[in-house]
């Protein structure tokens, strides 16, 4: 029988290591850009929102909270109604398909309520 040479490193394993490093780097870079919507809500000049406003139980409470936030915000650039409405729409759009139907319906009703509380019927 011939002598079999045993190596500790093969070319395939080193290329796998490199591929893993690349994948990890892309994943961490992707994770940072994936949360751009969170950064927008905290750092943009949109509104100073009350924490958990979109998780409130009724559309009327959501609209009232958005109105209060919009009227008292020092960060908004447009009118109070427009800012409140755009934040609500932004939240609905960013949630996308992951937003349960019941929540989506409540938030859509909040749009109607928002119109009502701002006297834009």
N, C-alpha and C. Protein backbone atom coordinates (compact mmCIF):
# COMPACT_ATOMS: atom_id res chain seq x y z
N UNK A 1 0.82 -1.17 0.00
CA UNK A 1 0.00 0.00 0.00
C UNK A 1 0.87 1.24 0.00
N UNK A 2 0.30 2.25 -0.67
CA UNK A 2 1.04 3.50 -0.76
C UNK A 2 0.83 4.37 0.48
N UNK A 3 1.70 5.31 0.59
CA UNK A 3 1.65 6.22 1.72
C UNK A 3 0.63 7.34 1.43
N UNK A 4 -0.34 7.54 2.34
CA UNK A 4 -1.35 8.58 2.18
C UNK A 4 -0.94 9.78 3.02
N UNK A 5 -0.89 10.92 2.36
CA UNK A 5 -0.49 12.14 3.04
C UNK A 5 -1.70 12.81 3.68
N UNK A 6 -1.60 13.11 4.93
CA UNK A 6 -2.71 13.71 5.64
C UNK A 6 -2.43 15.21 5.80
N UNK A 7 -3.37 16.05 5.37
CA UNK A 7 -3.18 17.49 5.53
C UNK A 7 -4.24 18.03 6.48
N UNK A 8 -3.89 19.08 7.15
CA UNK A 8 -4.84 19.68 8.09
C UNK A 8 -5.73 20.71 7.42
N UNK A 9 -5.23 21.33 6.36
CA UNK A 9 -6.02 22.34 5.67
C UNK A 9 -6.18 21.95 4.21
N UNK A 10 -7.36 22.01 3.76
CA UNK A 10 -7.57 21.78 2.34
C UNK A 10 -8.04 23.08 1.70
N UNK A 11 -7.98 23.15 0.43
CA UNK A 11 -8.41 24.36 -0.27
C UNK A 11 -9.90 24.60 -0.08
N UNK A 12 -10.66 23.55 -0.09
CA UNK A 12 -12.11 23.70 0.07
C UNK A 12 -12.46 24.30 1.42
N UNK A 13 -11.84 23.83 2.47
CA UNK A 13 -12.19 24.34 3.80
C UNK A 13 -11.80 25.81 3.94
N UNK A 14 -10.69 26.22 3.35
CA UNK A 14 -10.30 27.62 3.47
C UNK A 14 -11.26 28.51 2.67
N UNK A 15 -11.73 28.03 1.53
CA UNK A 15 -12.67 28.84 0.76
C UNK A 15 -14.02 28.92 1.49
N UNK A 16 -14.37 27.87 2.20
CA UNK A 16 -15.60 27.91 3.00
C UNK A 16 -15.49 28.95 4.10
N UNK A 17 -14.32 28.98 4.73
CA UNK A 17 -14.11 29.96 5.79
C UNK A 17 -14.26 31.38 5.24
N UNK A 18 -13.68 31.61 4.10
CA UNK A 18 -13.77 32.93 3.48
C UNK A 18 -15.22 33.24 3.14
N UNK A 19 -15.92 32.27 2.61
CA UNK A 19 -17.32 32.47 2.25
C UNK A 19 -18.14 32.78 3.49
N UNK A 20 -17.86 32.10 4.58
CA UNK A 20 -18.60 32.37 5.82
C UNK A 20 -18.35 33.78 6.31
N UNK A 21 -17.09 34.21 6.26
CA UNK A 21 -16.76 35.57 6.69
C UNK A 21 -17.50 36.58 5.83
N UNK A 22 -17.51 36.35 4.54
CA UNK A 22 -18.20 37.26 3.63
C UNK A 22 -19.68 37.28 3.94
N UNK A 23 -20.26 36.10 4.13
CA UNK A 23 -21.68 36.01 4.44
C UNK A 23 -22.01 36.74 5.74
N UNK A 24 -21.18 36.56 6.75
CA UNK A 24 -21.40 37.23 8.03
C UNK A 24 -21.34 38.74 7.86
N UNK A 25 -20.36 39.20 7.11
CA UNK A 25 -20.22 40.63 6.89
C UNK A 25 -21.45 41.18 6.17
N UNK A 26 -21.90 40.48 5.13
CA UNK A 26 -23.09 40.93 4.42
C UNK A 26 -24.30 40.93 5.32
N UNK A 27 -24.44 39.92 6.16
CA UNK A 27 -25.58 39.83 7.05
C UNK A 27 -25.60 40.99 8.02
N UNK A 28 -24.46 41.31 8.62
CA UNK A 28 -24.43 42.41 9.58
C UNK A 28 -24.67 43.74 8.88
N UNK A 29 -24.16 43.90 7.68
CA UNK A 29 -24.39 45.13 6.93
C UNK A 29 -25.87 45.22 6.57
N UNK A 30 -26.46 44.08 6.18
CA UNK A 30 -27.87 44.04 5.81
C UNK A 30 -28.74 44.35 7.02
N UNK A 31 -28.37 43.84 8.17
CA UNK A 31 -29.15 44.09 9.38
C UNK A 31 -29.16 45.57 9.74
N UNK A 32 -28.05 46.24 9.50
CA UNK A 32 -27.98 47.67 9.80
C UNK A 32 -28.88 48.46 8.86
N UNK A 33 -28.91 48.10 7.59
CA UNK A 33 -29.74 48.83 6.64
C UNK A 33 -31.20 48.38 6.70
N UNK A 34 -31.44 47.21 7.21
CA UNK A 34 -32.79 46.69 7.28
C UNK A 34 -33.66 47.51 8.24
N UNK A 35 -33.06 48.11 9.22
CA UNK A 35 -33.80 48.86 10.22
C UNK A 35 -33.83 50.36 9.93
N UNK A 36 -33.77 50.74 8.66
CA UNK A 36 -33.78 52.16 8.32
C UNK A 36 -35.07 52.81 8.76
N UNK A 37 -36.17 52.07 8.75
CA UNK A 37 -37.45 52.67 9.14
C UNK A 37 -37.46 53.02 10.62
N UNK A 38 -36.79 52.22 11.43
CA UNK A 38 -36.68 52.53 12.85
C UNK A 38 -35.86 53.80 13.04
N UNK A 39 -34.79 53.93 12.27
CA UNK A 39 -33.96 55.12 12.34
C UNK A 39 -34.75 56.35 11.90
N UNK A 40 -35.57 56.21 10.87
CA UNK A 40 -36.38 57.32 10.39
C UNK A 40 -37.32 57.80 11.48
N UNK A 41 -37.98 56.88 12.16
CA UNK A 41 -38.95 57.30 13.18
C UNK A 41 -38.27 57.95 14.38
N UNK A 42 -37.03 57.59 14.67
CA UNK A 42 -36.37 58.18 15.84
C UNK A 42 -35.58 59.44 15.50
N UNK A 43 -35.00 59.52 14.30
CA UNK A 43 -34.11 60.62 13.99
C UNK A 43 -34.65 61.65 13.02
N UNK A 44 -35.70 61.34 12.29
CA UNK A 44 -36.17 62.29 11.29
C UNK A 44 -36.94 63.42 11.93
N UNK A 45 -37.20 64.44 11.14
CA UNK A 45 -37.97 65.58 11.64
C UNK A 45 -39.45 65.37 11.37
N UNK A 46 -39.93 64.19 11.63
CA UNK A 46 -41.33 63.89 11.37
C UNK A 46 -42.20 64.27 12.56
N UNK A 47 -42.12 63.54 13.62
CA UNK A 47 -42.95 63.78 14.80
C UNK A 47 -42.29 63.21 16.04
N UNK A 48 -42.64 63.75 17.18
CA UNK A 48 -42.26 63.15 18.46
C UNK A 48 -43.46 62.33 18.91
N UNK A 49 -43.40 61.03 18.69
CA UNK A 49 -44.55 60.18 19.00
C UNK A 49 -44.47 59.61 20.40
N UNK A 50 -45.65 59.41 20.98
CA UNK A 50 -45.75 58.72 22.25
C UNK A 50 -45.40 57.24 22.01
N UNK A 51 -44.65 56.65 22.90
CA UNK A 51 -44.23 55.26 22.73
C UNK A 51 -45.45 54.32 22.70
N UNK A 52 -45.49 53.44 21.73
CA UNK A 52 -46.55 52.45 21.63
C UNK A 52 -47.86 52.98 21.10
N UNK A 53 -47.83 54.12 20.43
CA UNK A 53 -49.07 54.74 19.96
C UNK A 53 -49.82 53.84 18.98
N UNK A 54 -49.12 53.10 18.14
CA UNK A 54 -49.78 52.27 17.14
C UNK A 54 -50.28 50.95 17.72
N UNK A 55 -49.96 50.67 18.96
CA UNK A 55 -50.42 49.44 19.61
C UNK A 55 -51.65 49.70 20.49
N UNK A 56 -52.13 50.94 20.53
CA UNK A 56 -53.30 51.25 21.34
C UNK A 56 -54.50 50.45 20.84
N UNK A 57 -55.47 50.24 21.73
CA UNK A 57 -56.56 49.31 21.42
C UNK A 57 -57.65 49.88 20.52
N UNK A 58 -57.84 51.18 20.49
CA UNK A 58 -58.91 51.72 19.64
C UNK A 58 -58.37 52.74 18.65
N UNK A 59 -59.05 52.84 17.53
CA UNK A 59 -58.68 53.78 16.48
C UNK A 59 -58.81 55.22 16.99
N UNK A 60 -59.79 55.46 17.82
CA UNK A 60 -60.01 56.80 18.38
C UNK A 60 -58.83 57.23 19.27
N UNK A 61 -58.33 56.30 20.08
CA UNK A 61 -57.18 56.60 20.95
C UNK A 61 -55.92 56.87 20.12
N UNK A 62 -55.73 56.09 19.06
CA UNK A 62 -54.58 56.28 18.18
C UNK A 62 -54.64 57.66 17.54
N UNK A 63 -55.81 58.02 17.01
CA UNK A 63 -55.99 59.32 16.36
C UNK A 63 -55.77 60.47 17.35
N UNK A 64 -56.31 60.33 18.56
CA UNK A 64 -56.16 61.38 19.57
C UNK A 64 -54.69 61.55 19.96
N UNK A 65 -53.98 60.44 20.11
CA UNK A 65 -52.57 60.49 20.48
C UNK A 65 -51.73 61.11 19.36
N UNK A 66 -52.02 60.74 18.11
CA UNK A 66 -51.31 61.30 16.97
C UNK A 66 -51.56 62.81 16.86
N UNK A 67 -52.81 63.21 17.10
CA UNK A 67 -53.15 64.63 17.04
C UNK A 67 -52.37 65.40 18.10
N UNK A 68 -52.38 64.90 19.31
CA UNK A 68 -51.66 65.55 20.40
C UNK A 68 -50.17 65.66 20.10
N UNK A 69 -49.60 64.56 19.62
CA UNK A 69 -48.17 64.54 19.28
C UNK A 69 -47.86 65.53 18.16
N UNK A 70 -48.71 65.56 17.15
CA UNK A 70 -48.47 66.42 16.00
C UNK A 70 -48.58 67.90 16.39
N UNK A 71 -49.52 68.22 17.23
CA UNK A 71 -49.71 69.62 17.62
C UNK A 71 -48.60 70.12 18.55
N UNK A 72 -48.04 69.23 19.34
CA UNK A 72 -47.01 69.64 20.29
C UNK A 72 -45.58 69.40 19.81
N UNK A 73 -45.43 68.77 18.65
CA UNK A 73 -44.10 68.45 18.14
C UNK A 73 -43.37 69.70 17.65
N UNK A 74 -42.11 69.76 17.98
CA UNK A 74 -41.27 70.86 17.49
C UNK A 74 -40.43 70.39 16.30
N UNK A 75 -40.55 69.13 15.93
CA UNK A 75 -39.72 68.56 14.86
C UNK A 75 -40.42 68.51 13.52
N UNK A 76 -41.71 68.75 13.47
CA UNK A 76 -42.42 68.60 12.20
C UNK A 76 -42.21 69.80 11.30
N UNK A 77 -42.26 69.53 9.99
CA UNK A 77 -42.03 70.59 9.02
C UNK A 77 -43.32 71.05 8.36
N UNK A 78 -44.32 70.18 8.29
CA UNK A 78 -45.59 70.55 7.65
C UNK A 78 -46.67 70.69 8.72
N UNK A 79 -47.91 70.80 8.28
CA UNK A 79 -49.02 70.95 9.21
C UNK A 79 -49.21 69.74 10.10
N UNK A 80 -49.95 69.94 11.19
CA UNK A 80 -50.15 68.87 12.17
C UNK A 80 -50.88 67.68 11.57
N UNK A 81 -51.96 67.94 10.82
CA UNK A 81 -52.73 66.84 10.23
C UNK A 81 -51.88 66.05 9.26
N UNK A 82 -51.18 66.75 8.41
CA UNK A 82 -50.35 66.08 7.40
C UNK A 82 -49.26 65.23 8.05
N UNK A 83 -48.63 65.74 9.09
CA UNK A 83 -47.58 64.98 9.78
C UNK A 83 -48.15 63.74 10.46
N UNK A 84 -49.28 63.90 11.13
CA UNK A 84 -49.90 62.76 11.82
C UNK A 84 -50.31 61.69 10.82
N UNK A 85 -50.94 62.12 9.74
CA UNK A 85 -51.41 61.19 8.71
C UNK A 85 -50.23 60.47 8.06
N UNK A 86 -49.16 61.19 7.79
CA UNK A 86 -48.01 60.55 7.13
C UNK A 86 -47.32 59.54 8.05
N UNK A 87 -47.27 59.81 9.34
CA UNK A 87 -46.67 58.85 10.27
C UNK A 87 -47.52 57.58 10.36
N UNK A 88 -48.81 57.74 10.35
CA UNK A 88 -49.72 56.59 10.39
C UNK A 88 -49.56 55.76 9.11
N UNK A 89 -49.54 56.41 7.98
CA UNK A 89 -49.36 55.72 6.70
C UNK A 89 -47.99 55.05 6.64
N UNK A 90 -46.98 55.75 7.11
CA UNK A 90 -45.62 55.20 7.15
C UNK A 90 -45.58 53.91 7.95
N UNK A 91 -46.21 53.90 9.12
CA UNK A 91 -46.23 52.71 9.96
C UNK A 91 -46.93 51.56 9.26
N UNK A 92 -48.07 51.83 8.65
CA UNK A 92 -48.84 50.78 7.95
C UNK A 92 -48.02 50.22 6.80
N UNK A 93 -47.41 51.09 6.01
CA UNK A 93 -46.62 50.65 4.86
C UNK A 93 -45.39 49.84 5.27
N UNK A 94 -44.72 50.26 6.33
CA UNK A 94 -43.52 49.56 6.75
C UNK A 94 -43.85 48.19 7.35
N UNK A 95 -44.99 48.07 7.97
CA UNK A 95 -45.37 46.77 8.53
C UNK A 95 -45.65 45.78 7.40
N UNK A 96 -46.21 46.28 6.32
CA UNK A 96 -46.45 45.46 5.13
C UNK A 96 -47.32 44.24 5.39
N UNK A 97 -46.88 43.12 4.85
CA UNK A 97 -47.66 41.88 4.94
C UNK A 97 -47.65 41.27 6.34
N UNK A 98 -46.72 41.69 7.17
CA UNK A 98 -46.64 41.11 8.51
C UNK A 98 -47.69 41.68 9.46
N UNK A 99 -48.34 42.76 9.06
CA UNK A 99 -49.36 43.38 9.90
C UNK A 99 -50.64 42.55 9.85
N UNK A 100 -51.11 42.06 11.01
CA UNK A 100 -52.34 41.27 11.03
C UNK A 100 -53.54 42.08 10.53
N UNK A 101 -54.52 41.40 9.95
CA UNK A 101 -55.68 42.08 9.38
C UNK A 101 -56.42 42.94 10.40
N UNK A 102 -56.55 42.43 11.62
CA UNK A 102 -57.28 43.19 12.64
C UNK A 102 -56.56 44.49 12.97
N UNK A 103 -55.24 44.42 13.05
CA UNK A 103 -54.46 45.64 13.32
C UNK A 103 -54.53 46.61 12.15
N UNK A 104 -54.43 46.08 10.94
CA UNK A 104 -54.51 46.92 9.75
C UNK A 104 -55.86 47.62 9.70
N UNK A 105 -56.92 46.89 10.00
CA UNK A 105 -58.26 47.50 9.99
C UNK A 105 -58.36 48.61 11.03
N UNK A 106 -57.80 48.36 12.21
CA UNK A 106 -57.84 49.36 13.28
C UNK A 106 -57.07 50.62 12.86
N UNK A 107 -55.92 50.43 12.22
CA UNK A 107 -55.12 51.56 11.77
C UNK A 107 -55.79 52.31 10.62
N UNK A 108 -56.47 51.59 9.74
CA UNK A 108 -57.22 52.25 8.67
C UNK A 108 -58.38 53.05 9.25
N UNK A 109 -59.02 52.53 10.29
CA UNK A 109 -60.08 53.29 10.97
C UNK A 109 -59.49 54.52 11.66
N UNK A 110 -58.26 54.40 12.13
CA UNK A 110 -57.58 55.52 12.77
C UNK A 110 -57.37 56.66 11.78
N UNK A 111 -57.17 56.34 10.50
CA UNK A 111 -57.05 57.37 9.47
C UNK A 111 -58.34 58.18 9.38
N UNK A 112 -59.46 57.46 9.39
CA UNK A 112 -60.77 58.12 9.33
C UNK A 112 -60.99 58.97 10.58
N UNK A 113 -60.63 58.42 11.74
CA UNK A 113 -60.75 59.15 13.01
C UNK A 113 -59.87 60.38 13.02
N UNK A 114 -58.70 60.27 12.45
CA UNK A 114 -57.77 61.39 12.38
C UNK A 114 -58.39 62.54 11.59
N UNK A 115 -59.02 62.20 10.48
CA UNK A 115 -59.73 63.21 9.70
C UNK A 115 -60.79 63.90 10.56
N UNK A 116 -61.52 63.08 11.32
CA UNK A 116 -62.60 63.61 12.15
C UNK A 116 -62.09 64.54 13.24
N UNK A 117 -61.03 64.11 13.96
CA UNK A 117 -60.54 64.94 15.07
C UNK A 117 -59.88 66.23 14.58
N UNK A 118 -59.42 66.25 13.36
CA UNK A 118 -58.85 67.47 12.80
C UNK A 118 -59.92 68.29 12.06
N UNK A 119 -61.16 67.79 12.04
CA UNK A 119 -62.25 68.52 11.40
C UNK A 119 -62.15 68.56 9.88
N UNK A 120 -61.66 67.49 9.30
CA UNK A 120 -61.48 67.43 7.84
C UNK A 120 -62.39 66.37 7.21
N UNK A 121 -63.64 66.39 7.51
CA UNK A 121 -64.56 65.39 6.97
C UNK A 121 -65.14 65.75 5.65
